Amino acid sequence: MLRTKVLLIITALLFSATTAAMTSPKRPAVTKEQAATLAQQRYPGKIVKVQTEQQNYRIRVLQSDGRVVTVLVDGRSGQVQREGN
């Protein structure tokens, strides 16, 4: 009986810790590599720099005409937008 109670408590603790880790708001759903790919698909060019800012990514893309475009990628949704828009 005691053994069963201990197993139930351990299982409950493990389950709650796993659930909390899976729903942690600090970990983005989009990786740095995925963010760079998304930015490059929307704004073709060479990726110059990728910065992580909280749950977002700031990516600089060097385009074929020599302009550098700064792109923001939402780390949760993957939404891509040009900085300043």
N, C-alpha and C. Protein backbone atom coordinates (compact mmCIF):
# COMPACT_ATOMS: atom_id res chain seq x y z
N MET A 1 0.82 -1.19 0.00
CA MET A 1 0.00 0.00 0.00
C MET A 1 0.87 1.26 0.00
N LEU A 2 1.85 1.30 0.87
CA LEU A 2 2.75 2.44 0.94
C LEU A 2 3.53 2.57 -0.36
N ARG A 3 3.94 1.45 -0.90
CA ARG A 3 4.68 1.45 -2.15
C ARG A 3 3.85 2.05 -3.29
N THR A 4 2.58 1.73 -3.33
CA THR A 4 1.67 2.24 -4.35
C THR A 4 1.52 3.76 -4.21
N LYS A 5 1.38 4.24 -2.99
CA LYS A 5 1.25 5.68 -2.76
C LYS A 5 2.52 6.42 -3.20
N VAL A 6 3.67 5.87 -2.88
CA VAL A 6 4.93 6.49 -3.26
C VAL A 6 5.05 6.53 -4.78
N LEU A 7 4.70 5.45 -5.45
CA LEU A 7 4.75 5.42 -6.91
C LEU A 7 3.79 6.44 -7.53
N LEU A 8 2.62 6.57 -6.95
CA LEU A 8 1.66 7.55 -7.46
C LEU A 8 2.17 8.98 -7.29
N ILE A 9 2.78 9.26 -6.16
CA ILE A 9 3.32 10.60 -5.90
C ILE A 9 4.47 10.90 -6.86
N ILE A 10 5.35 9.95 -7.05
CA ILE A 10 6.48 10.14 -7.98
C ILE A 10 5.97 10.35 -9.40
N THR A 11 5.00 9.56 -9.81
CA THR A 11 4.42 9.71 -11.15
C THR A 11 3.79 11.08 -11.32
N ALA A 12 3.05 11.52 -10.32
CA ALA A 12 2.41 12.83 -10.40
C ALA A 12 3.45 13.95 -10.49
N LEU A 13 4.51 13.85 -9.72
CA LEU A 13 5.57 14.86 -9.77
C LEU A 13 6.28 14.88 -11.11
N LEU A 14 6.58 13.73 -11.65
CA LEU A 14 7.23 13.65 -12.95
C LEU A 14 6.33 14.21 -14.05
N PHE A 15 5.06 13.89 -13.99
CA PHE A 15 4.11 14.37 -14.99
C PHE A 15 3.99 15.88 -14.93
N SER A 16 3.89 16.45 -13.74
CA SER A 16 3.75 17.90 -13.63
C SER A 16 5.03 18.61 -14.09
N ALA A 17 6.19 18.05 -13.81
CA ALA A 17 7.44 18.67 -14.24
C ALA A 17 7.57 18.61 -15.76
N THR A 18 7.18 17.50 -16.36
CA THR A 18 7.24 17.35 -17.81
C THR A 18 6.27 18.31 -18.48
N THR A 19 5.08 18.44 -17.95
CA THR A 19 4.08 19.34 -18.51
C THR A 19 4.55 20.79 -18.42
N ALA A 20 5.13 21.16 -17.31
CA ALA A 20 5.62 22.53 -17.13
C ALA A 20 6.76 22.82 -18.11
N ALA A 21 7.63 21.86 -18.33
CA ALA A 21 8.74 22.05 -19.26
C ALA A 21 8.25 22.19 -20.70
N MET A 22 7.21 21.47 -21.05
CA MET A 22 6.69 21.51 -22.41
C MET A 22 5.95 22.80 -22.70
N THR A 23 5.39 23.43 -21.70
CA THR A 23 4.61 24.65 -21.91
C THR A 23 5.37 25.90 -21.48
N SER A 24 6.67 25.78 -21.30
CA SER A 24 7.47 26.91 -20.87
C SER A 24 7.42 28.03 -21.91
N PRO A 25 7.04 29.25 -21.51
CA PRO A 25 6.93 30.34 -22.47
C PRO A 25 8.27 30.90 -22.92
N LYS A 26 9.36 30.49 -22.29
CA LYS A 26 10.66 31.05 -22.61
C LYS A 26 11.33 30.36 -23.80
N ARG A 27 10.89 29.17 -24.13
CA ARG A 27 11.52 28.43 -25.21
C ARG A 27 10.75 28.64 -26.52
N PRO A 28 11.41 29.25 -27.52
CA PRO A 28 10.71 29.47 -28.78
C PRO A 28 10.41 28.17 -29.50
N ALA A 29 9.32 28.16 -30.27
CA ALA A 29 8.94 26.99 -31.06
C ALA A 29 9.76 26.94 -32.34
N VAL A 30 10.27 28.08 -32.79
CA VAL A 30 11.05 28.18 -34.01
C VAL A 30 12.52 28.27 -33.63
N THR A 31 13.35 27.41 -34.23
CA THR A 31 14.78 27.45 -33.94
C THR A 31 15.45 28.58 -34.71
N LYS A 32 16.67 28.86 -34.35
CA LYS A 32 17.45 29.91 -35.01
C LYS A 32 17.62 29.58 -36.50
N GLU A 33 17.88 28.32 -36.80
CA GLU A 33 18.06 27.90 -38.18
C GLU A 33 16.77 28.02 -38.97
N GLN A 34 15.66 27.64 -38.37
CA GLN A 34 14.36 27.76 -39.04
C GLN A 34 14.02 29.22 -39.29
N ALA A 35 14.32 30.08 -38.33
CA ALA A 35 14.05 31.51 -38.49
C ALA A 35 14.85 32.08 -39.65
N ALA A 36 16.12 31.68 -39.76
CA ALA A 36 16.95 32.15 -40.86
C ALA A 36 16.40 31.68 -42.20
N THR A 37 15.94 30.45 -42.28
CA THR A 37 15.36 29.92 -43.51
C THR A 37 14.09 30.67 -43.88
N LEU A 38 13.23 30.93 -42.89
CA LEU A 38 11.99 31.67 -43.15
C LEU A 38 12.29 33.08 -43.67
N ALA A 39 13.27 33.73 -43.06
CA ALA A 39 13.64 35.09 -43.48
C ALA A 39 14.19 35.07 -44.91
N GLN A 40 14.99 34.09 -45.21
CA GLN A 40 15.61 34.00 -46.53
C GLN A 40 14.59 33.67 -47.62
N GLN A 41 13.57 32.91 -47.27
CA GLN A 41 12.51 32.61 -48.23
C GLN A 41 11.73 33.88 -48.59
N ARG A 42 11.49 34.71 -47.62
CA ARG A 42 10.70 35.93 -47.84
C ARG A 42 11.55 37.05 -48.43
N TYR A 43 12.81 37.14 -48.00
CA TYR A 43 13.73 38.17 -48.48
C TYR A 43 15.01 37.48 -48.95
N PRO A 44 15.05 37.06 -50.23
CA PRO A 44 16.20 36.30 -50.73
C PRO A 44 17.52 37.06 -50.59
N GLY A 45 18.55 36.34 -50.27
CA GLY A 45 19.89 36.91 -50.12
C GLY A 45 20.71 36.06 -49.17
N LYS A 46 21.87 36.60 -48.81
CA LYS A 46 22.78 35.90 -47.91
C LYS A 46 22.52 36.34 -46.47
N ILE A 47 22.37 35.37 -45.58
CA ILE A 47 22.19 35.67 -44.16
C ILE A 47 23.52 36.17 -43.61
N VAL A 48 23.50 37.38 -43.07
CA VAL A 48 24.72 38.00 -42.54
C VAL A 48 24.82 37.80 -41.03
N LYS A 49 23.67 37.94 -40.34
CA LYS A 49 23.69 37.87 -38.88
C LYS A 49 22.33 37.42 -38.37
N VAL A 50 22.35 36.61 -37.32
CA VAL A 50 21.12 36.18 -36.65
C VAL A 50 21.29 36.46 -35.16
N GLN A 51 20.38 37.28 -34.60
CA GLN A 51 20.42 37.59 -33.17
C GLN A 51 19.14 37.08 -32.52
N THR A 52 19.29 36.51 -31.34
CA THR A 52 18.14 36.08 -30.56
C THR A 52 17.78 37.18 -29.59
N GLU A 53 16.51 37.59 -29.61
CA GLU A 53 16.03 38.64 -28.70
C GLU A 53 14.76 38.13 -28.04
N GLN A 54 14.88 37.70 -26.82
CA GLN A 54 13.77 37.11 -26.06
C GLN A 54 13.17 35.97 -26.86
N GLN A 55 11.95 36.11 -27.34
CA GLN A 55 11.31 35.03 -28.09
C GLN A 55 11.27 35.33 -29.58
N ASN A 56 12.12 36.24 -30.03
CA ASN A 56 12.14 36.63 -31.43
C ASN A 56 13.57 36.56 -31.96
N TYR A 57 13.67 36.63 -33.29
CA TYR A 57 14.97 36.65 -33.94
C TYR A 57 15.06 37.89 -34.83
N ARG A 58 16.20 38.55 -34.81
CA ARG A 58 16.49 39.68 -35.68
C ARG A 58 17.55 39.16 -36.66
N ILE A 59 17.20 39.18 -37.95
CA ILE A 59 18.06 38.59 -38.96
C ILE A 59 18.41 39.64 -40.01
N ARG A 60 19.69 39.72 -40.35
CA ARG A 60 20.13 40.65 -41.39
C ARG A 60 20.42 39.84 -42.65
N VAL A 61 19.84 40.31 -43.76
CA VAL A 61 19.98 39.63 -45.04
C VAL A 61 20.62 40.59 -46.04
N LEU A 62 21.72 40.16 -46.67
CA LEU A 62 22.38 40.94 -47.71
C LEU A 62 21.77 40.52 -49.04
N GLN A 63 21.07 41.45 -49.69
CA GLN A 63 20.40 41.14 -50.94
C GLN A 63 21.35 41.32 -52.13
N SER A 64 20.96 40.80 -53.29
CA SER A 64 21.83 40.81 -54.46
C SER A 64 22.18 42.23 -54.94
N ASP A 65 21.34 43.21 -54.62
CA ASP A 65 21.62 44.59 -55.03
C ASP A 65 22.50 45.34 -54.02
N GLY A 66 22.96 44.64 -52.98
CA GLY A 66 23.86 45.23 -51.99
C GLY A 66 23.18 45.80 -50.76
N ARG A 67 21.85 45.87 -50.77
CA ARG A 67 21.13 46.38 -49.60
C ARG A 67 21.09 45.33 -48.51
N VAL A 68 21.13 45.79 -47.27
CA VAL A 68 20.97 44.90 -46.12
C VAL A 68 19.58 45.14 -45.54
N VAL A 69 18.81 44.07 -45.44
CA VAL A 69 17.45 44.13 -44.92
C VAL A 69 17.44 43.48 -43.55
N THR A 70 16.83 44.14 -42.57
CA THR A 70 16.68 43.57 -41.24
C THR A 70 15.27 43.00 -41.13
N VAL A 71 15.20 41.72 -40.79
CA VAL A 71 13.95 40.99 -40.74
C VAL A 71 13.72 40.49 -39.32
N LEU A 72 12.49 40.59 -38.84
CA LEU A 72 12.12 40.07 -37.53
C LEU A 72 11.28 38.81 -37.72
N VAL A 73 11.65 37.75 -37.00
CA VAL A 73 10.90 36.49 -37.06
C VAL A 73 10.41 36.18 -35.65
N ASP A 74 9.10 36.00 -35.53
CA ASP A 74 8.50 35.65 -34.25
C ASP A 74 8.91 34.22 -33.90
N GLY A 75 9.50 34.04 -32.74
CA GLY A 75 10.00 32.74 -32.31
C GLY A 75 8.91 31.73 -31.97
N ARG A 76 7.70 32.19 -31.80
CA ARG A 76 6.59 31.28 -31.49
C ARG A 76 5.81 30.90 -32.74
N SER A 77 5.49 31.89 -33.57
CA SER A 77 4.62 31.63 -34.72
C SER A 77 5.38 31.47 -36.03
N GLY A 78 6.61 32.00 -36.09
CA GLY A 78 7.36 31.96 -37.33
C GLY A 78 6.99 33.09 -38.29
N GLN A 79 6.17 34.02 -37.83
CA GLN A 79 5.76 35.15 -38.68
C GLN A 79 6.98 36.01 -39.01
N VAL A 80 7.09 36.37 -40.29
CA VAL A 80 8.24 37.15 -40.78
C VAL A 80 7.76 38.54 -41.16
N GLN A 81 8.51 39.55 -40.71
CA GLN A 81 8.20 40.92 -41.13
C GLN A 81 9.50 41.71 -41.21
N ARG A 82 9.50 42.66 -42.10
CA ARG A 82 10.67 43.53 -42.24
C ARG A 82 10.66 44.52 -41.08
N GLU A 83 11.82 44.80 -40.51
CA GLU A 83 11.89 45.73 -39.38
C GLU A 83 11.42 47.12 -39.81
N GLY A 84 10.62 47.73 -38.97
CA GLY A 84 10.09 49.06 -39.25
C GLY A 84 8.72 49.05 -39.88
N ASN A 85 8.21 47.89 -40.22
CA ASN A 85 6.86 47.78 -40.84
C ASN A 85 5.88 47.17 -39.88
